[in-house]
C-alpha atoms as a PDB file:
ATOM      1  CA  MET A   1      72.402  32.856  94.157  1.00  0.00           C
ATOM      2  CA  ASP A   2      75.210  33.631  91.813  1.00  0.00           C
ATOM      3  CA  ILE A   3      78.086  35.963  92.731  1.00  0.00           C
ATOM      4  CA  GLY A   4      79.449  37.706  89.615  1.00  0.00           C
ATOM      5  CA  ARG A   5      77.195  40.478  88.286  1.00  0.00           C
ATOM      6  CA  VAL A   6      74.634  39.523  90.933  1.00  0.00           C
ATOM      7  CA  ILE A   7      76.576  40.405  94.109  1.00  0.00           C
ATOM      8  CA  ILE A   8      79.956  41.660  92.834  1.00  0.00           C
ATOM      9  CA  ASP A   9      79.488  44.325  90.155  1.00  0.00           C
ATOM     10  CA  GLY A  10      82.633  44.041  88.062  1.00  0.00           C
ATOM     11  CA  THR A  11      81.037  46.024  85.257  1.00  0.00           C
ATOM     12  CA  ALA A  12      80.804  49.069  87.567  1.00  0.00           C
ATOM     13  CA  HIS A  13      84.443  48.994  88.661  1.00  0.00           C
ATOM     14  CA  PRO A  14      85.864  52.525  88.698  1.00  0.00           C
ATOM     15  CA  GLY A  15      89.046  51.230  87.060  1.00  0.00           C
ATOM     16  CA  GLY A  16      87.409  49.687  84.035  1.00  0.00           C
ATOM     17  CA  GLY A  17      84.942  46.835  84.109  1.00  0.00           C
ATOM     18  CA  ASP A  18      85.188  43.130  84.838  1.00  0.00           C
ATOM     19  CA  THR A  19      88.852  42.862  83.867  1.00  0.00           C
ATOM     20  CA  ALA A  20      89.815  44.955  86.906  1.00  0.00           C
ATOM     21  CA  PHE A  21      88.260  42.320  89.178  1.00  0.00           C
ATOM     22  CA  PHE A  22      89.755  39.409  87.258  1.00  0.00           C
ATOM     23  CA  SER A  23      93.279  40.628  86.648  1.00  0.00           C
ATOM     24  CA  GLY A  24      93.908  43.757  88.730  1.00  0.00           C
ATOM     25  CA  GLY A  25      96.033  43.772  91.860  1.00  0.00           C
ATOM     26  CA  GLU A  26      94.564  43.142  95.310  1.00  0.00           C
ATOM     27  CA  ALA A  27      93.515  46.741  95.988  1.00  0.00           C
ATOM     28  CA  VAL A  28      92.006  47.064  92.509  1.00  0.00           C
ATOM     29  CA  MET A  29      90.097  43.791  92.872  1.00  0.00           C
ATOM     30  CA  LEU A  30      88.800  44.738  96.335  1.00  0.00           C
ATOM     31  CA  ALA A  31      87.644  48.128  95.002  1.00  0.00           C
ATOM     32  CA  THR A  32      85.089  46.355  92.824  1.00  0.00           C
ATOM     33  CA  PRO A  33      81.703  47.484  94.173  1.00  0.00           C
ATOM     34  CA  GLN A  34      78.723  45.404  95.144  1.00  0.00           C
ATOM     35  CA  VAL A  35      75.709  45.404  92.877  1.00  0.00           C
ATOM     36  CA  PRO A  36      73.569  48.216  94.331  1.00  0.00           C
ATOM     37  CA  GLY A  37      71.414  46.901  97.161  1.00  0.00           C
ATOM     38  CA  ALA A  38      72.825  43.360  97.055  1.00  0.00           C
ATOM     39  CA  ILE A  39      74.236  43.024 100.560  1.00  0.00           C
ATOM     40  CA  GLU A  40      71.354  44.794 102.289  1.00  0.00           C
ATOM     41  CA  THR A  41      68.733  42.777 100.413  1.00  0.00           C
ATOM     42  CA  ILE A  42      70.546  39.477 100.930  1.00  0.00           C
ATOM     43  CA  ALA A  43      70.650  40.237 104.670  1.00  0.00           C
ATOM     44  CA  ARG A  44      66.869  40.628 104.747  1.00  0.00           C
ATOM     45  CA  LEU A  45      66.327  37.527 102.591  1.00  0.00           C
ATOM     46  CA  SER A  46      68.676  35.573 104.829  1.00  0.00           C
ATOM     47  CA  GLU A  47      66.354  36.378 107.731  1.00  0.00           C
ATOM     48  CA  TRP A  48      63.356  35.159 105.728  1.00  0.00           C
ATOM     49  CA  PHE A  49      65.191  31.911 104.941  1.00  0.00           C
ATOM     50  CA  GLY A  50      66.660  31.450 108.424  1.00  0.00           C
ATOM     51  CA  GLY A  51      70.225  31.752 107.086  1.00  0.00           C
ATOM     52  CA  ARG A  52      69.619  28.989 104.525  1.00  0.00           C
ATOM     53  CA  VAL A  53      71.020  31.056 101.669  1.00  0.00           C
ATOM     54  CA  TRP A  54      73.719  29.650  99.376  1.00  0.00           C
ATOM     55  CA  LEU A  55      76.158  31.217  96.935  1.00  0.00           C
ATOM     56  CA  VAL A  56      76.771  29.043  93.870  1.00  0.00           C
ATOM     57  CA  SER A  57      79.257  30.374  91.333  1.00  0.00           C
ATOM     58  CA  LYS A  58      80.912  29.107  88.164  1.00  0.00           C
ATOM     59  CA  CYS A  59      84.594  29.986  88.012  1.00  0.00           C
ATOM     60  CA  GLY A  60      88.093  28.605  88.031  1.00  0.00           C
ATOM     61  CA  PRO A  61      90.484  28.512  90.993  1.00  0.00           C
ATOM     62  CA  ASN A  62      91.872  32.043  90.494  1.00  0.00           C
ATOM     63  CA  VAL A  63      88.440  33.690  90.453  1.00  0.00           C
ATOM     64  CA  GLN A  64      87.284  31.440  93.303  1.00  0.00           C
ATOM     65  CA  ASP A  65      90.150  32.787  95.391  1.00  0.00           C
ATOM     66  CA  ARG A  66      89.407  36.388  94.371  1.00  0.00           C
ATOM     67  CA  SER A  67      85.699  35.914  95.130  1.00  0.00           C
ATOM     68  CA  ARG A  68      86.481  34.526  98.586  1.00  0.00           C
ATOM     69  CA  ARG A  69      88.818  37.449  99.314  1.00  0.00           C
ATOM     70  CA  TRP A  70      86.261  39.991  98.086  1.00  0.00           C
ATOM     71  CA  LEU A  71      83.495  38.452 100.216  1.00  0.00           C
ATOM     72  CA  ALA A  72      85.772  38.435 103.285  1.00  0.00           C
ATOM     73  CA  ALA A  73      87.067  41.978 102.739  1.00  0.00           C
ATOM     74  CA  HIS A  74      83.524  43.306 102.320  1.00  0.00           C
ATOM     75  CA  ASP A  75      82.443  41.478 105.491  1.00  0.00           C
ATOM     76  CA  PHE A  76      79.758  39.777 103.412  1.00  0.00           C
ATOM     77  CA  TYR A  77      78.971  36.926 105.795  1.00  0.00           C
ATOM     78  CA  ALA A  78      78.620  39.044 108.930  1.00  0.00           C
ATOM     79  CA  ARG A  79      76.626  41.720 107.090  1.00  0.00           C
ATOM     80  CA  THR A  80      74.214  39.265 105.451  1.00  0.00           C
ATOM     81  CA  GLY A  81      73.875  36.431 107.950  1.00  0.00           C
ATOM     82  CA  VAL A  82      74.825  33.941 105.245  1.00  0.00           C
ATOM     83  CA  PRO A  83      77.106  31.273 106.774  1.00  0.00           C
ATOM     84  CA  ALA A  84      80.617  31.322 105.259  1.00  0.00           C
ATOM     85  CA  GLU A  85      80.361  27.587 104.586  1.00  0.00           C
ATOM     86  CA  ASN A  86      77.353  28.212 102.308  1.00  0.00           C
ATOM     87  CA  LEU A  87      79.600  28.825  99.319  1.00  0.00           C
ATOM     88  CA  ARG A  88      79.876  26.439  96.377  1.00  0.00           C
ATOM     89  CA  PHE A  89      81.837  26.625  93.140  1.00  0.00           C
ATOM     90  CA  CYS A  90      81.683  24.667  89.901  1.00  0.00           C
ATOM     91  CA  ARG A  91      83.611  24.801  86.637  1.00  0.00           C
ATOM     92  CA  GLU A  92      80.656  24.902  84.211  1.00  0.00           C
ATOM     93  CA  ARG A  93      77.388  26.821  84.482  1.00  0.00           C
ATOM     94  CA  LYS A  94      75.310  23.705  83.851  1.00  0.00           C
ATOM     95  CA  HIS A  95      76.928  22.124  86.931  1.00  0.00           C
ATOM     96  CA  LYS A  96      75.086  24.587  89.155  1.00  0.00           C
ATOM     97  CA  ARG A  97      72.224  22.132  88.731  1.00  0.00           C
ATOM     98  CA  ARG A  98      74.070  19.550  90.873  1.00  0.00           C
ATOM     99  CA  HIS A  99      74.387  22.022  93.727  1.00  0.00           C
ATOM    100  CA  CYS A 100      70.728  23.023  93.436  1.00  0.00           C
ATOM    101  CA  VAL A 101      69.679  19.376  93.686  1.00  0.00           C
ATOM    102  CA  GLN A 102      72.098  18.518  96.536  1.00  0.00           C
ATOM    103  CA  LEU A 103      71.034  21.559  98.548  1.00  0.00           C
ATOM    104  CA  GLY A 104      67.321  21.349  97.744  1.00  0.00           C
ATOM    105  CA  LEU A 105      67.249  24.979  96.621  1.00  0.00           C
ATOM    106  CA  THR A 106      63.808  26.489  96.088  1.00  0.00           C
ATOM    107  CA  HIS A 107      64.853  29.926  94.783  1.00  0.00           C
ATOM    108  CA  PHE A 108      67.781  30.959  92.590  1.00  0.00           C
ATOM    109  CA  VAL A 109      69.036  34.362  91.386  1.00  0.00           C
ATOM    110  CA  ASP A 110      71.413  34.310  88.405  1.00  0.00           C
ATOM    111  CA  ASP A 111      72.188  36.596  85.479  1.00  0.00           C
ATOM    112  CA  ARG A 112      72.731  33.807  82.926  1.00  0.00           C
ATOM    113  CA  PRO A 113      69.893  32.306  80.856  1.00  0.00           C
ATOM    114  CA  ASP A 114      71.871  29.054  80.356  1.00  0.00           C
ATOM    115  CA  VAL A 115      71.983  28.526  84.139  1.00  0.00           C
ATOM    116  CA  HIS A 116      68.220  28.927  84.323  1.00  0.00           C
ATOM    117  CA  ALA A 117      67.791  26.479  81.455  1.00  0.00           C
ATOM    118  CA  ALA A 118      69.877  23.926  83.389  1.00  0.00           C
ATOM    119  CA  ILE A 119      67.870  24.270  86.633  1.00  0.00           C
ATOM    120  CA  THR A 120      64.343  24.788  85.286  1.00  0.00           C
ATOM    121  CA  ASP A 121      62.986  21.453  86.490  1.00  0.00           C
ATOM    122  CA  VAL A 122      64.788  21.401  89.869  1.00  0.00           C
ATOM    123  CA  VAL A 123      64.363  24.950  91.262  1.00  0.00           C
ATOM    124  CA  PRO A 124      60.754  26.152  91.281  1.00  0.00           C
ATOM    125  CA  HIS A 125      61.449  29.891  91.722  1.00  0.00           C
ATOM    126  CA  ARG A 126      64.086  31.305  89.349  1.00  0.00           C
ATOM    127  CA  TYR A 127      65.011  34.952  88.867  1.00  0.00           C
ATOM    128  CA  LEU A 128      66.969  36.177  85.831  1.00  0.00           C
ATOM    129  CA  PHE A 129      68.901  39.115  87.237  1.00  0.00           C
ATOM    130  CA  GLY A 130      69.883  42.408  85.650  1.00  0.00           C
ATOM    131  CA  PRO A 131      69.798  43.782  82.134  1.00  0.00           C
ATOM    132  CA  GLN A 132      69.508  41.175  79.425  1.00  0.00           C
ATOM    133  CA  ARG A 133      69.674  41.221  75.678  1.00  0.00           C
ATOM    134  CA  THR A 134      66.250  41.503  74.108  1.00  0.00           C
ATOM    135  CA  GLY A 135      64.827  38.374  72.592  1.00  0.00           C
ATOM    136  CA  VAL A 136      66.509  36.032  75.071  1.00  0.00           C
ATOM    137  CA  ALA A 137      63.947  33.356  75.917  1.00  0.00           C
ATOM    138  CA  VAL A 138      64.161  31.974  79.423  1.00  0.00           C
ATOM    139  CA  ASP A 139      61.733  30.292  81.786  1.00  0.00           C
ATOM    140  CA  ALA A 140      62.525  32.526  84.752  1.00  0.00           C
ATOM    141  CA  VAL A 141      61.167  35.743  86.188  1.00  0.00           C
ATOM    142  CA  ARG A 142      63.161  38.708  84.912  1.00  0.00           C
ATOM    143  CA  VAL A 143      64.289  41.044  87.672  1.00  0.00           C
ATOM    144  CA  PRO A 144      66.127  44.297  86.955  1.00  0.00           C
ATOM    145  CA  ASP A 145      67.575  44.824  90.442  1.00  0.00           C
ATOM    146  CA  TRP A 146      67.667  43.672  94.059  1.00  0.00           C
ATOM    147  CA  ALA A 147      64.529  45.632  95.011  1.00  0.00           C
ATOM    148  CA  ALA A 148      62.563  43.585  92.485  1.00  0.00           C
ATOM    149  CA  VAL A 149      64.172  40.336  93.691  1.00  0.00           C
ATOM    150  CA  GLU A 150      63.192  41.095  97.268  1.00  0.00           C
ATOM    151  CA  ALA A 151      59.625  42.132  96.408  1.00  0.00           C
ATOM    152  CA  LEU A 152      59.015  38.999  94.365  1.00  0.00           C
ATOM    153  CA  ILE A 153      60.631  36.514  96.758  1.00  0.00           C
ATOM    154  CA  VAL A 154      59.002  37.989  99.861  1.00  0.00           C
ATOM    155  CA  GLY A 155      55.684  38.132  98.014  1.00  0.00           C
ATOM    156  CA  GLN A 156      56.063  34.486  97.026  1.00  0.00           C
ATOM    157  CA  LEU A 157      56.952  33.501 100.598  1.00  0.00           C
ATOM    158  CA  ARG A 158      53.851  35.334 101.805  1.00  0.00           C
ATOM    159  CA  GLY A 159      51.750  33.525  99.189  1.00  0.00           C
ATOM    160  CA  ILE A 160      51.114  36.543  96.965  1.00  0.00           C
ATOM    161  CA  PRO A 161      50.963  35.348  93.331  1.00  0.00           C
ATOM    162  CA  LEU A 162      52.526  37.308  90.494  1.00  0.00           C
ATOM    163  CA  GLY A 163      49.833  39.220  88.659  1.00  0.00           C
ATOM    164  CA  ASP A 164      49.642  40.557  85.143  1.00  0.00           C
ATOM    165  CA  GLY A 165      51.731  43.669  84.774  1.00  0.00           C
ATOM    166  CA  THR A 166      53.953  42.846  87.736  1.00  0.00           C
ATOM    167  CA  PRO A 167      57.519  44.058  87.131  1.00  0.00           C
ATOM    168  CA  GLY A 168      59.653  41.024  86.409  1.00  0.00           C
ATOM    169  CA  ARG A 169      56.802  38.892  85.087  1.00  0.00           C
ATOM    170  CA  ARG A 170      57.984  36.177  82.684  1.00  0.00           C
END
């Protein structure tokens, strides 16, 4: 799964959006909240996947460092059961595909349609997270929040197919 706007909710920062996470001081950056329900849901999904959950994020060295510090300060790994070594970074969104292939990922949660376009043929279960502009075509299941992600992934793992009218249906 992705990190920015999927786990770390820079847009909800009390000090003013994503820029507070990217350029604010340490305390300001660490005050950036989680996306509601992210850590709790990831903990439950980590159990379903036996800890085989990976974070794959596109960012440069500065944001990589900030992301690592945020995850550590929020005790992400202990709270979710995701191993700390299950963290990968790349410099372009399309390069997430390489990580998906190398890791054999079967499910992916990301808020960017271009990431889903890059992994369509290598990750069978893709979830386009959060609010999106209307008219954006993407071959992924749209999910508004972590409750929907969990319901759909757990349903898929249990063998329950998506039906017509299911929230998040393509």
